[in-house]
Amino acid sequence: MINNDNDIILGFWKDIPKSCKILAPMADVTDVAFREMIVKYSRMGENGGGPHVLYTEFVAADGLFSDDGRTKLISLLQYNPKHRPIVAQIFSSDPKKMEYAAGLCRSLGFDGVDINMGCPERNVTKQGAGAAMIQTPERAKEIILAAKRGAVDIPVSVKTRIGWTKNEIETWIPEILSCNVAAIILHGRTRKEMSKVPAHWGIIARAGEIVRESGKETKFIGNGDILSLEQADAYGEKYKVDGVMVGRGIFGKPWFFDSQKKEVSVKEKLEIMLEHTRTFLKLLPNKNFQIMKKHYKAYISGFDGARELRGKCMEANSYEDIKKYVYDFLKKDN
């Protein structure tokens, strides 16, 4: 089936269960190594907790458009078939480059393409991309339709925010819906708010009403401040969304989506951290080791002696050093 402006290609979204849980795209976090850990320790598909969809980090379509840029960025689009359904998230304010990037993602075998229209970072918004798209709805629609042309027969979704400096869902959500996207994922804050205030789930609920009132098949996913699987279930029901996307709540907890896993010992947590480091070095040998430090901050917290161990690991520059610090700590702890 060839996509056109009037189609809603749902693809895998059609079969995603109600109250689905989705891994959010996060720069330098949801790389292939972390997704490997999530799939393994959430026992994906076994316990009903999810994740039901996995996302890549967000990737610059402008970079993918050039040979040099594509060489540098292609590792961000690595995935394992076990990660399916897997969605590639891309961003751009240039329709030609967006169409190309969406087509590239399709050729790489992704199950869907998501357009980032929510990133608040200045280096993205100054390009007119990310959350800046909220200020230029006509250009945003050009970008969505370009992505649909490139994606052809795989679904295109949009992840965005409730507004630039204020709540704009009454006008912004209908603009996105007019392009017949497969799904809208809404982060419950404005660009101005960044992550400094609690997510506005009441506004998310109203946006869901707008989607339902449209009569379209578009799925609607809420995002913001989800810290546990139980909370995800509760919010999905309370705010009447089709699913919930989990972001920062999964830091240091690749078992987050395993509904059967209630307790994790300090030893197990640190062993998983070491495995995560080995996986990172194996799958992403050319990526800066410093990226793992984001994960160390999350793994090494909430237990006696964590501050000292975390300090050592944050200063380390090799797996061998990290391993030594961890096992010295565990010996001392026992």
C-alpha atoms as a PDB file:
ATOM      1  CA  MET A   1       0.000   0.000   0.000  1.00  0.00           C
ATOM      2  CA  ILE A   2       1.413   3.391  -1.024  1.00  0.00           C
ATOM      3  CA  ASN A   3       1.020   6.214   1.467  1.00  0.00           C
ATOM      4  CA  ASN A   4      -0.603   9.493   0.517  1.00  0.00           C
ATOM      5  CA  ASP A   5      -1.789  12.566   2.375  1.00  0.00           C
ATOM      6  CA  ASN A   6      -5.230  11.075   3.034  1.00  0.00           C
ATOM      7  CA  ASP A   7      -4.096   7.745   4.448  1.00  0.00           C
ATOM      8  CA  ILE A   8      -3.658   6.813   8.069  1.00  0.00           C
ATOM      9  CA  ILE A   9      -1.156   3.982   7.932  1.00  0.00           C
ATOM     10  CA  LEU A  10      -1.417   2.432  11.392  1.00  0.00           C
ATOM     11  CA  GLY A  11       0.942  -0.472  10.812  1.00  0.00           C
ATOM     12  CA  PHE A  12       2.019  -2.013  14.123  1.00  0.00           C
ATOM     13  CA  TRP A  13       0.066   0.642  16.064  1.00  0.00           C
ATOM     14  CA  LYS A  14      -3.124  -1.179  15.117  1.00  0.00           C
ATOM     15  CA  ASP A  15      -2.094  -4.216  17.174  1.00  0.00           C
ATOM     16  CA  ILE A  16      -0.662  -2.409  20.214  1.00  0.00           C
ATOM     17  CA  PRO A  17      -2.774  -3.216  23.305  1.00  0.00           C
ATOM     18  CA  LYS A  18      -4.780  -0.586  25.153  1.00  0.00           C
ATOM     19  CA  SER A  19      -2.776   0.918  28.007  1.00  0.00           C
ATOM     20  CA  CYS A  20       0.477   0.130  26.197  1.00  0.00           C
ATOM     21  CA  LYS A  21       3.796   1.249  27.661  1.00  0.00           C
ATOM     22  CA  ILE A  22       6.397   2.784  25.374  1.00  0.00           C
ATOM     23  CA  LEU A  23      10.063   3.618  25.834  1.00  0.00           C
ATOM     24  CA  ALA A  24      10.705   7.310  25.161  1.00  0.00           C
ATOM     25  CA  PRO A  25      13.432   8.469  22.767  1.00  0.00           C
ATOM     26  CA  MET A  26      16.201  10.120  24.795  1.00  0.00           C
ATOM     27  CA  ALA A  27      19.472  11.471  23.429  1.00  0.00           C
ATOM     28  CA  ASP A  28      22.523   9.533  24.615  1.00  0.00           C
ATOM     29  CA  VAL A  29      20.260   7.246  26.662  1.00  0.00           C
ATOM     30  CA  THR A  30      18.049   4.981  24.543  1.00  0.00           C
ATOM     31  CA  ASP A  31      20.847   3.724  22.332  1.00  0.00           C
ATOM     32  CA  VAL A  32      21.023   0.135  21.130  1.00  0.00           C
ATOM     33  CA  ALA A  33      22.967  -0.945  24.230  1.00  0.00           C
ATOM     34  CA  PHE A  34      20.375   0.346  26.696  1.00  0.00           C
ATOM     35  CA  ARG A  35      17.570  -1.138  24.606  1.00  0.00           C
ATOM     36  CA  GLU A  36      19.359  -4.497  24.754  1.00  0.00           C
ATOM     37  CA  MET A  37      19.300  -4.266  28.543  1.00  0.00           C
ATOM     38  CA  ILE A  38      15.648  -3.248  28.639  1.00  0.00           C
ATOM     39  CA  VAL A  39      14.546  -6.085  26.389  1.00  0.00           C
ATOM     40  CA  LYS A  40      16.508  -8.598  28.468  1.00  0.00           C
ATOM     41  CA  TYR A  41      15.591  -7.441  31.958  1.00  0.00           C
ATOM     42  CA  SER A  42      12.016  -6.428  31.256  1.00  0.00           C
ATOM     43  CA  ARG A  43      11.562  -9.884  29.715  1.00  0.00           C
ATOM     44  CA  MET A  44       9.779  -8.136  26.879  1.00  0.00           C
ATOM     45  CA  GLY A  45       6.452  -9.716  26.048  1.00  0.00           C
ATOM     46  CA  GLU A  46       6.468 -12.164  28.943  1.00  0.00           C
ATOM     47  CA  ASN A  47       4.928 -10.287  31.849  1.00  0.00           C
ATOM     48  CA  GLY A  48       2.556  -7.894  30.160  1.00  0.00           C
ATOM     49  CA  GLY A  49       4.258  -4.789  31.502  1.00  0.00           C
ATOM     50  CA  GLY A  50       5.963  -3.847  28.264  1.00  0.00           C
ATOM     51  CA  PRO A  51       7.640  -2.188  26.651  1.00  0.00           C
ATOM     52  CA  HIS A  52       5.222  -2.569  23.790  1.00  0.00           C
ATOM     53  CA  VAL A  53       7.183  -0.190  21.557  1.00  0.00           C
ATOM     54  CA  LEU A  54      10.829   0.878  21.607  1.00  0.00           C
ATOM     55  CA  TYR A  55      12.234   4.128  20.211  1.00  0.00           C
ATOM     56  CA  THR A  56      15.732   5.046  19.078  1.00  0.00           C
ATOM     57  CA  GLU A  57      17.480   8.200  20.203  1.00  0.00           C
ATOM     58  CA  PHE A  58      16.447  11.186  18.106  1.00  0.00           C
ATOM     59  CA  VAL A  59      18.523  11.600  14.953  1.00  0.00           C
ATOM     60  CA  ALA A  60      19.062  14.665  12.751  1.00  0.00           C
ATOM     61  CA  ALA A  61      17.540  14.115   9.314  1.00  0.00           C
ATOM     62  CA  ASP A  62      19.796  16.883   8.016  1.00  0.00           C
ATOM     63  CA  GLY A  63      22.820  14.867   9.086  1.00  0.00           C
ATOM     64  CA  LEU A  64      21.519  11.661   7.538  1.00  0.00           C
ATOM     65  CA  PHE A  65      21.081  13.511   4.243  1.00  0.00           C
ATOM     66  CA  SER A  66      24.837  13.875   3.678  1.00  0.00           C
ATOM     67  CA  ASP A  67      27.361  11.066   3.196  1.00  0.00           C
ATOM     68  CA  ASP A  68      29.645  12.287   5.990  1.00  0.00           C
ATOM     69  CA  GLY A  69      26.759  12.923   8.368  1.00  0.00           C
ATOM     70  CA  ARG A  70      25.199   9.554   7.649  1.00  0.00           C
ATOM     71  CA  THR A  71      28.496   7.827   8.433  1.00  0.00           C
ATOM     72  CA  LYS A  72      28.642   9.589  11.799  1.00  0.00           C
ATOM     73  CA  LEU A  73      24.991   9.099  12.736  1.00  0.00           C
ATOM     74  CA  ILE A  74      24.154   5.644  11.425  1.00  0.00           C
ATOM     75  CA  SER A  75      25.140   3.969  14.725  1.00  0.00           C
ATOM     76  CA  LEU A  76      22.207   5.779  16.353  1.00  0.00           C
ATOM     77  CA  LEU A  77      19.929   3.712  14.126  1.00  0.00           C
ATOM     78  CA  GLN A  78      21.281   0.336  15.206  1.00  0.00           C
ATOM     79  CA  TYR A  79      18.730  -2.117  16.514  1.00  0.00           C
ATOM     80  CA  ASN A  80      18.220  -5.789  17.203  1.00  0.00           C
ATOM     81  CA  PRO A  81      15.175  -7.576  15.714  1.00  0.00           C
ATOM     82  CA  LYS A  82      14.300  -8.452  19.321  1.00  0.00           C
ATOM     83  CA  HIS A  83      13.556  -4.756  19.820  1.00  0.00           C
ATOM     84  CA  ARG A  84      10.490  -4.825  17.553  1.00  0.00           C
ATOM     85  CA  PRO A  85       8.331  -2.938  17.133  1.00  0.00           C
ATOM     86  CA  ILE A  86      11.092  -0.365  16.830  1.00  0.00           C
ATOM     87  CA  VAL A  87      10.532   3.258  15.812  1.00  0.00           C
ATOM     88  CA  ALA A  88      13.200   5.622  14.488  1.00  0.00           C
ATOM     89  CA  GLN A  89      12.817   9.188  15.705  1.00  0.00           C
ATOM     90  CA  ILE A  90      14.093  11.927  13.414  1.00  0.00           C
ATOM     91  CA  PHE A  91      13.906  15.713  13.284  1.00  0.00           C
ATOM     92  CA  SER A  92      14.309  18.456  10.679  1.00  0.00           C
ATOM     93  CA  SER A  93      12.685  21.641   9.406  1.00  0.00           C
ATOM     94  CA  ASP A  94      13.538  20.760   5.798  1.00  0.00           C
ATOM     95  CA  PRO A  95      10.883  18.660   4.012  1.00  0.00           C
ATOM     96  CA  LYS A  96      13.318  17.296   1.425  1.00  0.00           C
ATOM     97  CA  LYS A  97      15.702  16.037   4.101  1.00  0.00           C
ATOM     98  CA  MET A  98      12.863  14.691   6.217  1.00  0.00           C
ATOM     99  CA  GLU A  99      11.496  12.713   3.262  1.00  0.00           C
ATOM    100  CA  TYR A 100      14.931  11.261   2.582  1.00  0.00           C
ATOM    101  CA  ALA A 101      15.521  10.331   6.235  1.00  0.00           C
ATOM    102  CA  ALA A 102      12.115   8.673   6.561  1.00  0.00           C
ATOM    103  CA  GLY A 103      12.853   6.639   3.440  1.00  0.00           C
ATOM    104  CA  LEU A 104      16.239   5.644   4.847  1.00  0.00           C
ATOM    105  CA  CYS A 105      14.589   4.460   8.072  1.00  0.00           C
ATOM    106  CA  ARG A 106      12.136   2.408   6.050  1.00  0.00           C
ATOM    107  CA  SER A 107      14.987   0.846   4.072  1.00  0.00           C
ATOM    108  CA  LEU A 108      16.714  -0.066   7.338  1.00  0.00           C
ATOM    109  CA  GLY A 109      13.662  -2.079   8.355  1.00  0.00           C
ATOM    110  CA  PHE A 110      12.151   0.132  11.054  1.00  0.00           C
ATOM    111  CA  ASP A 111       8.531  -0.510  11.953  1.00  0.00           C
ATOM    112  CA  GLY A 112       7.711   3.185  12.107  1.00  0.00           C
ATOM    113  CA  VAL A 113       9.051   6.724  11.935  1.00  0.00           C
ATOM    114  CA  ASP A 114       8.427   9.360  14.592  1.00  0.00           C
ATOM    115  CA  ILE A 115       8.965  13.085  14.073  1.00  0.00           C
ATOM    116  CA  ASN A 116      10.424  14.956  17.005  1.00  0.00           C
ATOM    117  CA  MET A 117       8.387  18.138  17.437  1.00  0.00           C
ATOM    118  CA  GLY A 118       9.013  18.420  21.148  1.00  0.00           C
ATOM    119  CA  CYS A 119      12.736  18.751  21.848  1.00  0.00           C
ATOM    120  CA  PRO A 120      13.208  22.013  23.789  1.00  0.00           C
ATOM    121  CA  GLU A 121      16.990  22.284  23.394  1.00  0.00           C
ATOM    122  CA  ARG A 122      18.202  25.494  21.780  1.00  0.00           C
ATOM    123  CA  ASN A 123      20.575  23.766  19.339  1.00  0.00           C
ATOM    124  CA  VAL A 124      17.511  22.027  17.861  1.00  0.00           C
ATOM    125  CA  THR A 125      14.890  24.785  18.111  1.00  0.00           C
ATOM    126  CA  LYS A 126      17.159  27.386  16.506  1.00  0.00           C
ATOM    127  CA  GLN A 127      17.006  25.210  13.382  1.00  0.00           C
ATOM    128  CA  GLY A 128      13.221  25.547  13.421  1.00  0.00           C
ATOM    129  CA  ALA A 129      12.955  21.883  14.434  1.00  0.00           C
ATOM    130  CA  GLY A 130      11.871  20.099  17.613  1.00  0.00           C
ATOM    131  CA  ALA A 131       9.458  22.146  19.735  1.00  0.00           C
ATOM    132  CA  ALA A 132       9.948  25.162  17.423  1.00  0.00           C
ATOM    133  CA  MET A 133       7.602  23.384  14.998  1.00  0.00           C
ATOM    134  CA  ILE A 134       4.734  24.379  17.322  1.00  0.00           C
ATOM    135  CA  GLN A 135       5.313  27.993  16.227  1.00  0.00           C
ATOM    136  CA  THR A 136       5.165  27.158  12.524  1.00  0.00           C
ATOM    137  CA  PRO A 137       2.218  24.779  12.056  1.00  0.00           C
ATOM    138  CA  GLU A 138       2.171  25.118   8.264  1.00  0.00           C
ATOM    139  CA  ARG A 139       5.810  24.083   8.054  1.00  0.00           C
ATOM    140  CA  ALA A 140       5.132  21.316  10.590  1.00  0.00           C
ATOM    141  CA  LYS A 141       2.466  19.909   8.269  1.00  0.00           C
ATOM    142  CA  GLU A 142       4.899  20.032   5.344  1.00  0.00           C
ATOM    143  CA  ILE A 143       7.375  18.063   7.441  1.00  0.00           C
ATOM    144  CA  ILE A 144       4.779  15.433   8.405  1.00  0.00           C
ATOM    145  CA  LEU A 145       3.618  14.956   4.826  1.00  0.00           C
ATOM    146  CA  ALA A 146       7.234  14.725   3.635  1.00  0.00           C
ATOM    147  CA  ALA A 147       7.899  12.023   6.237  1.00  0.00           C
ATOM    148  CA  LYS A 148       4.816  10.139   5.058  1.00  0.00           C
ATOM    149  CA  ARG A 149       6.048  10.254   1.461  1.00  0.00           C
ATOM    150  CA  GLY A 150       9.395   8.847   2.529  1.00  0.00           C
ATOM    151  CA  ALA A 151       7.947   6.259   4.887  1.00  0.00           C
ATOM    152  CA  VAL A 152       5.543   5.022   2.180  1.00  0.00           C
ATOM    153  CA  ASP A 153       3.891   2.052   3.909  1.00  0.00           C
ATOM    154  CA  ILE A 154       5.162   2.293   7.484  1.00  0.00           C
ATOM    155  CA  PRO A 155       3.408   4.485  10.067  1.00  0.00           C
ATOM    156  CA  VAL A 156       4.439   8.040  10.879  1.00  0.00           C
ATOM    157  CA  SER A 157       3.833   9.471  14.341  1.00  0.00           C
ATOM    158  CA  VAL A 158       4.580  12.810  16.019  1.00  0.00           C
ATOM    159  CA  LYS A 159       5.964  13.442  19.492  1.00  0.00           C
ATOM    160  CA  THR A 160       5.375  16.963  20.702  1.00  0.00           C
ATOM    161  CA  ARG A 161       4.551  19.268  23.633  1.00  0.00           C
ATOM    162  CA  ILE A 162       1.416  21.097  24.745  1.00  0.00           C
ATOM    163  CA  GLY A 163       2.735  24.429  23.456  1.00  0.00           C
ATOM    164  CA  TRP A 164       5.663  26.820  23.127  1.00  0.00           C
ATOM    165  CA  THR A 165       5.067  29.212  26.047  1.00  0.00           C
ATOM    166  CA  LYS A 166       1.451  28.339  26.854  1.00  0.00           C
ATOM    167  CA  ASN A 167      -1.137  25.620  26.359  1.00  0.00           C
ATOM    168  CA  GLU A 168      -1.916  25.475  22.621  1.00  0.00           C
ATOM    169  CA  ILE A 169      -3.494  22.038  22.249  1.00  0.00           C
ATOM    170  CA  GLU A 170      -6.864  23.360  20.991  1.00  0.00           C
ATOM    171  CA  THR A 171      -5.161  24.586  17.815  1.00  0.00           C
ATOM    172  CA  TRP A 172      -1.946  22.533  17.692  1.00  0.00           C
ATOM    173  CA  ILE A 173      -3.389  19.016  18.031  1.00  0.00           C
ATOM    174  CA  PRO A 174      -5.947  19.541  15.190  1.00  0.00           C
ATOM    175  CA  GLU A 175      -3.103  20.731  12.926  1.00  0.00           C
ATOM    176  CA  ILE A 176      -1.251  17.455  13.490  1.00  0.00           C
ATOM    177  CA  LEU A 177      -4.445  15.415  13.124  1.00  0.00           C
ATOM    178  CA  SER A 178      -5.112  17.030   9.741  1.00  0.00           C
ATOM    179  CA  CYS A 179      -2.073  15.154   8.403  1.00  0.00           C
ATOM    180  CA  ASN A 180      -3.525  11.753   9.352  1.00  0.00           C
ATOM    181  CA  VAL A 181      -0.658  10.501  11.488  1.00  0.00           C
ATOM    182  CA  ALA A 182      -0.677   7.050  13.085  1.00  0.00           C
ATOM    183  CA  ALA A 183      -0.063   8.348  16.599  1.00  0.00           C
ATOM    184  CA  ILE A 184       0.459  11.506  18.608  1.00  0.00           C
ATOM    185  CA  ILE A 185       2.659  11.326  21.682  1.00  0.00           C
ATOM    186  CA  LEU A 186       2.159  14.364  23.904  1.00  0.00           C
ATOM    187  CA  HIS A 187       4.598  15.517  26.557  1.00  0.00           C
ATOM    188  CA  GLY A 188       2.625  17.448  29.154  1.00  0.00           C
ATOM    189  CA  ARG A 189       4.755  20.587  29.345  1.00  0.00           C
ATOM    190  CA  THR A 190       5.420  23.637  27.183  1.00  0.00           C
ATOM    191  CA  ARG A 191       8.814  24.290  25.670  1.00  0.00           C
ATOM    192  CA  LYS A 192       9.256  27.202  28.101  1.00  0.00           C
ATOM    193  CA  GLU A 193       8.652  24.913  31.072  1.00  0.00           C
ATOM    194  CA  MET A 194      11.295  22.429  29.899  1.00  0.00           C
ATOM    195  CA  SER A 195      11.178  19.848  32.752  1.00  0.00           C
ATOM    196  CA  LYS A 196      10.980  22.367  35.583  1.00  0.00           C
ATOM    197  CA  VAL A 197       7.321  21.830  36.524  1.00  0.00           C
ATOM    198  CA  PRO A 198       5.159  18.711  36.905  1.00  0.00           C
ATOM    199  CA  ALA A 199       3.645  17.427  33.664  1.00  0.00           C
ATOM    200  CA  HIS A 200       0.117  18.715  33.052  1.00  0.00           C
ATOM    201  CA  TRP A 201      -1.801  15.460  32.759  1.00  0.00           C
ATOM    202  CA  GLY A 202      -5.134  17.263  32.776  1.00  0.00           C
ATOM    203  CA  ILE A 203      -4.096  18.988  29.552  1.00  0.00           C
ATOM    204  CA  ILE A 204      -2.937  15.632  28.161  1.00  0.00           C
ATOM    205  CA  ALA A 205      -6.412  14.234  28.931  1.00  0.00           C
ATOM    206  CA  ARG A 206      -8.068  17.121  27.068  1.00  0.00           C
ATOM    207  CA  ALA A 207      -5.790  16.530  24.067  1.00  0.00           C
ATOM    208  CA  GLY A 208      -6.934  12.907  24.068  1.00  0.00           C
ATOM    209  CA  GLU A 209     -10.526  14.134  23.881  1.00  0.00           C
ATOM    210  CA  ILE A 210      -9.639  16.252  20.853  1.00  0.00           C
ATOM    211  CA  VAL A 211      -8.178  13.191  19.137  1.00  0.00           C
ATOM    212  CA  ARG A 212     -11.247  11.073  19.912  1.00  0.00           C
ATOM    213  CA  GLU A 213     -13.635  13.842  18.850  1.00  0.00           C
ATOM    214  CA  SER A 214     -11.894  13.947  15.471  1.00  0.00           C
ATOM    215  CA  GLY A 215     -13.149  10.445  14.750  1.00  0.00           C
ATOM    216  CA  LYS A 216      -9.737   9.479  13.386  1.00  0.00           C
ATOM    217  CA  GLU A 217      -7.964   6.206  14.151  1.00  0.00           C
ATOM    218  CA  THR A 218      -4.896   8.093  15.394  1.00  0.00           C
ATOM    219  CA  LYS A 219      -3.527   6.631  18.632  1.00  0.00           C
ATOM    220  CA  PHE A 220      -2.894   9.025  21.514  1.00  0.00           C
ATOM    221  CA  ILE A 221      -0.077   8.507  24.014  1.00  0.00           C
ATOM    222  CA  GLY A 222       0.626  10.549  27.161  1.00  0.00           C
ATOM    223  CA  ASN A 223       4.133  11.332  28.395  1.00  0.00           C
ATOM    224  CA  GLY A 224       5.582  12.964  31.489  1.00  0.00           C
ATOM    225  CA  ASP A 225       6.728  12.093  35.022  1.00  0.00           C
ATOM    226  CA  ILE A 226       5.962   8.359  34.907  1.00  0.00           C
ATOM    227  CA  LEU A 227       8.092   6.783  37.625  1.00  0.00           C
ATOM    228  CA  SER A 228       6.652   3.257  37.965  1.00  0.00           C
ATOM    229  CA  LEU A 229       4.719   0.635  36.038  1.00  0.00           C
ATOM    230  CA  GLU A 230       1.843   0.958  38.496  1.00  0.00           C
ATOM    231  CA  GLN A 231       1.687   4.694  37.879  1.00  0.00           C
ATOM    232  CA  ALA A 232       1.699   4.100  34.123  1.00  0.00           C
ATOM    233  CA  ASP A 233      -1.320   1.800  34.473  1.00  0.00           C
ATOM    234  CA  ALA A 234      -3.117   4.236  36.758  1.00  0.00           C
ATOM    235  CA  TYR A 235      -2.509   7.243  34.526  1.00  0.00           C
ATOM    236  CA  GLY A 236      -3.505   5.352  31.405  1.00  0.00           C
ATOM    237  CA  GLU A 237      -6.889   4.619  32.960  1.00  0.00           C
ATOM    238  CA  LYS A 238      -7.406   7.941  34.756  1.00  0.00           C
ATOM    239  CA  TYR A 239      -6.523  10.168  31.813  1.00  0.00           C
ATOM    240  CA  LYS A 240      -8.030   7.914  29.129  1.00  0.00           C
ATOM    241  CA  VAL A 241      -5.006   7.649  26.872  1.00  0.00           C
ATOM    242  CA  ASP A 242      -4.217   4.753  24.539  1.00  0.00           C
ATOM    243  CA  GLY A 243      -0.834   4.329  26.155  1.00  0.00           C
ATOM    244  CA  VAL A 244       1.870   5.901  28.268  1.00  0.00           C
ATOM    245  CA  MET A 245       5.435   6.752  27.287  1.00  0.00           C
ATOM    246  CA  VAL A 246       8.158   6.377  29.925  1.00  0.00           C
ATOM    247  CA  GLY A 247      11.198   8.640  29.875  1.00  0.00           C
ATOM    248  CA  ARG A 248      13.462   9.543  32.778  1.00  0.00           C
ATOM    249  CA  GLY A 249      11.702   7.078  35.099  1.00  0.00           C
ATOM    250  CA  ILE A 250      13.620   4.236  33.460  1.00  0.00           C
ATOM    251  CA  PHE A 251      17.080   5.650  34.201  1.00  0.00           C
ATOM    252  CA  GLY A 252      19.104   3.015  36.043  1.00  0.00           C
ATOM    253  CA  LYS A 253      16.206   0.547  35.892  1.00  0.00           C
ATOM    254  CA  PRO A 254      16.240  -1.569  32.719  1.00  0.00           C
ATOM    255  CA  TRP A 255      13.857  -3.955  34.536  1.00  0.00           C
ATOM    256  CA  PHE A 256      11.267  -1.124  34.802  1.00  0.00           C
ATOM    257  CA  PHE A 257       8.748  -2.825  32.509  1.00  0.00           C
ATOM    258  CA  ASP A 258       8.870  -6.233  34.241  1.00  0.00           C
ATOM    259  CA  SER A 259       5.631  -6.332  36.217  1.00  0.00           C
ATOM    260  CA  GLN A 260       6.898  -9.266  38.301  1.00  0.00           C
ATOM    261  CA  LYS A 261      10.131  -7.638  39.483  1.00  0.00           C
ATOM    262  CA  LYS A 262       9.504  -5.744  42.695  1.00  0.00           C
ATOM    263  CA  GLU A 263      12.905  -5.758  44.381  1.00  0.00           C
ATOM    264  CA  VAL A 264      16.447  -5.500  43.052  1.00  0.00           C
ATOM    265  CA  SER A 265      19.409  -5.992  45.379  1.00  0.00           C
ATOM    266  CA  VAL A 266      22.374  -3.616  45.315  1.00  0.00           C
ATOM    267  CA  LYS A 267      24.572  -6.462  44.041  1.00  0.00           C
ATOM    268  CA  GLU A 268      22.175  -7.270  41.204  1.00  0.00           C
ATOM    269  CA  LYS A 269      21.837  -3.601  40.275  1.00  0.00           C
ATOM    270  CA  LEU A 270      25.616  -3.161  40.077  1.00  0.00           C
ATOM    271  CA  GLU A 271      26.083  -6.418  38.130  1.00  0.00           C
ATOM    272  CA  ILE A 272      23.515  -5.174  35.599  1.00  0.00           C
ATOM    273  CA  MET A 273      25.365  -1.862  35.392  1.00  0.00           C
ATOM    274  CA  LEU A 274      28.585  -3.702  34.547  1.00  0.00           C
ATOM    275  CA  GLU A 275      26.784  -5.775  31.924  1.00  0.00           C
ATOM    276  CA  HIS A 276      25.301  -2.589  30.482  1.00  0.00           C
ATOM    277  CA  THR A 277      28.826  -1.133  30.238  1.00  0.00           C
ATOM    278  CA  ARG A 278      30.153  -4.240  28.459  1.00  0.00           C
ATOM    279  CA  THR A 279      27.213  -4.154  26.052  1.00  0.00           C
ATOM    280  CA  PHE A 280      27.818  -0.474  25.343  1.00  0.00           C
ATOM    281  CA  LEU A 281      31.498  -1.060  24.568  1.00  0.00           C
ATOM    282  CA  LYS A 282      30.699  -4.054  22.359  1.00  0.00           C
ATOM    283  CA  LEU A 283      27.890  -2.501  20.315  1.00  0.00           C
ATOM    284  CA  LEU A 284      29.054   1.122  20.261  1.00  0.00           C
ATOM    285  CA  PRO A 285      32.866   0.973  20.280  1.00  0.00           C
ATOM    286  CA  ASN A 286      33.206   4.395  18.652  1.00  0.00           C
ATOM    287  CA  LYS A 287      30.859   6.201  20.983  1.00  0.00           C
ATOM    288  CA  ASN A 288      32.215   8.369  23.788  1.00  0.00           C
ATOM    289  CA  PHE A 289      32.540   6.324  26.990  1.00  0.00           C
ATOM    290  CA  GLN A 290      31.445   9.399  28.945  1.00  0.00           C
ATOM    291  CA  ILE A 291      27.881   8.721  27.790  1.00  0.00           C
ATOM    292  CA  MET A 292      27.724   5.807  30.230  1.00  0.00           C
ATOM    293  CA  LYS A 293      28.179   8.265  33.102  1.00  0.00           C
ATOM    294  CA  LYS A 294      24.521   9.316  32.737  1.00  0.00           C
ATOM    295  CA  HIS A 295      23.586   5.751  33.563  1.00  0.00           C
ATOM    296  CA  TYR A 296      26.061   5.441  36.446  1.00  0.00           C
ATOM    297  CA  LYS A 297      24.411   8.387  38.190  1.00  0.00           C
ATOM    298  CA  ALA A 298      21.136   6.483  38.153  1.00  0.00           C
ATOM    299  CA  TYR A 299      22.395   2.975  38.891  1.00  0.00           C
ATOM    300  CA  ILE A 300      24.547   4.055  41.844  1.00  0.00           C
ATOM    301  CA  SER A 301      22.021   5.718  44.135  1.00  0.00           C
ATOM    302  CA  GLY A 302      19.709   4.926  46.997  1.00  0.00           C
ATOM    303  CA  PHE A 303      21.995   2.704  49.066  1.00  0.00           C
ATOM    304  CA  ASP A 304      24.683   3.104  51.726  1.00  0.00           C
ATOM    305  CA  GLY A 305      28.047   4.011  50.228  1.00  0.00           C
ATOM    306  CA  ALA A 306      26.529   5.011  46.894  1.00  0.00           C
ATOM    307  CA  ARG A 307      27.920   8.527  46.944  1.00  0.00           C
ATOM    308  CA  GLU A 308      31.542   7.404  47.292  1.00  0.00           C
ATOM    309  CA  LEU A 309      31.223   4.656  44.682  1.00  0.00           C
ATOM    310  CA  ARG A 310      29.430   6.960  42.280  1.00  0.00           C
ATOM    311  CA  GLY A 311      32.190   9.543  42.633  1.00  0.00           C
ATOM    312  CA  LYS A 312      34.833   6.985  41.715  1.00  0.00           C
ATOM    313  CA  CYS A 313      32.889   5.682  38.716  1.00  0.00           C
ATOM    314  CA  MET A 314      32.209   9.200  37.442  1.00  0.00           C
ATOM    315  CA  GLU A 315      35.966   9.823  37.376  1.00  0.00           C
ATOM    316  CA  ALA A 316      36.843   6.492  35.713  1.00  0.00           C
ATOM    317  CA  ASN A 317      37.622   6.183  32.021  1.00  0.00           C
ATOM    318  CA  SER A 318      37.631   2.415  31.479  1.00  0.00           C
ATOM    319  CA  TYR A 319      35.525  -0.639  32.133  1.00  0.00           C
ATOM    320  CA  GLU A 320      38.392  -2.215  34.084  1.00  0.00           C
ATOM    321  CA  ASP A 321      38.386   0.657  36.571  1.00  0.00           C
ATOM    322  CA  ILE A 322      34.592   0.578  36.939  1.00  0.00           C
ATOM    323  CA  LYS A 323      34.660  -3.171  37.512  1.00  0.00           C
ATOM    324  CA  LYS A 324      37.385  -2.851  40.162  1.00  0.00           C
ATOM    325  CA  TYR A 325      35.499  -0.131  42.048  1.00  0.00           C
ATOM    326  CA  VAL A 326      32.264  -2.132  41.985  1.00  0.00           C
ATOM    327  CA  TYR A 327      33.801  -5.394  43.202  1.00  0.00           C
ATOM    328  CA  ASP A 328      35.864  -3.638  45.866  1.00  0.00           C
ATOM    329  CA  PHE A 329      32.656  -2.046  47.093  1.00  0.00           C
ATOM    330  CA  LEU A 330      30.756  -5.350  47.100  1.00  0.00           C
ATOM    331  CA  LYS A 331      33.547  -7.092  49.016  1.00  0.00           C
ATOM    332  CA  LYS A 332      33.592  -4.323  51.581  1.00  0.00           C
ATOM    333  CA  ASP A 333      29.816  -4.318  51.819  1.00  0.00           C
ATOM    334  CA  ASN A 334      29.812  -8.042  52.627  1.00  0.00           C
END
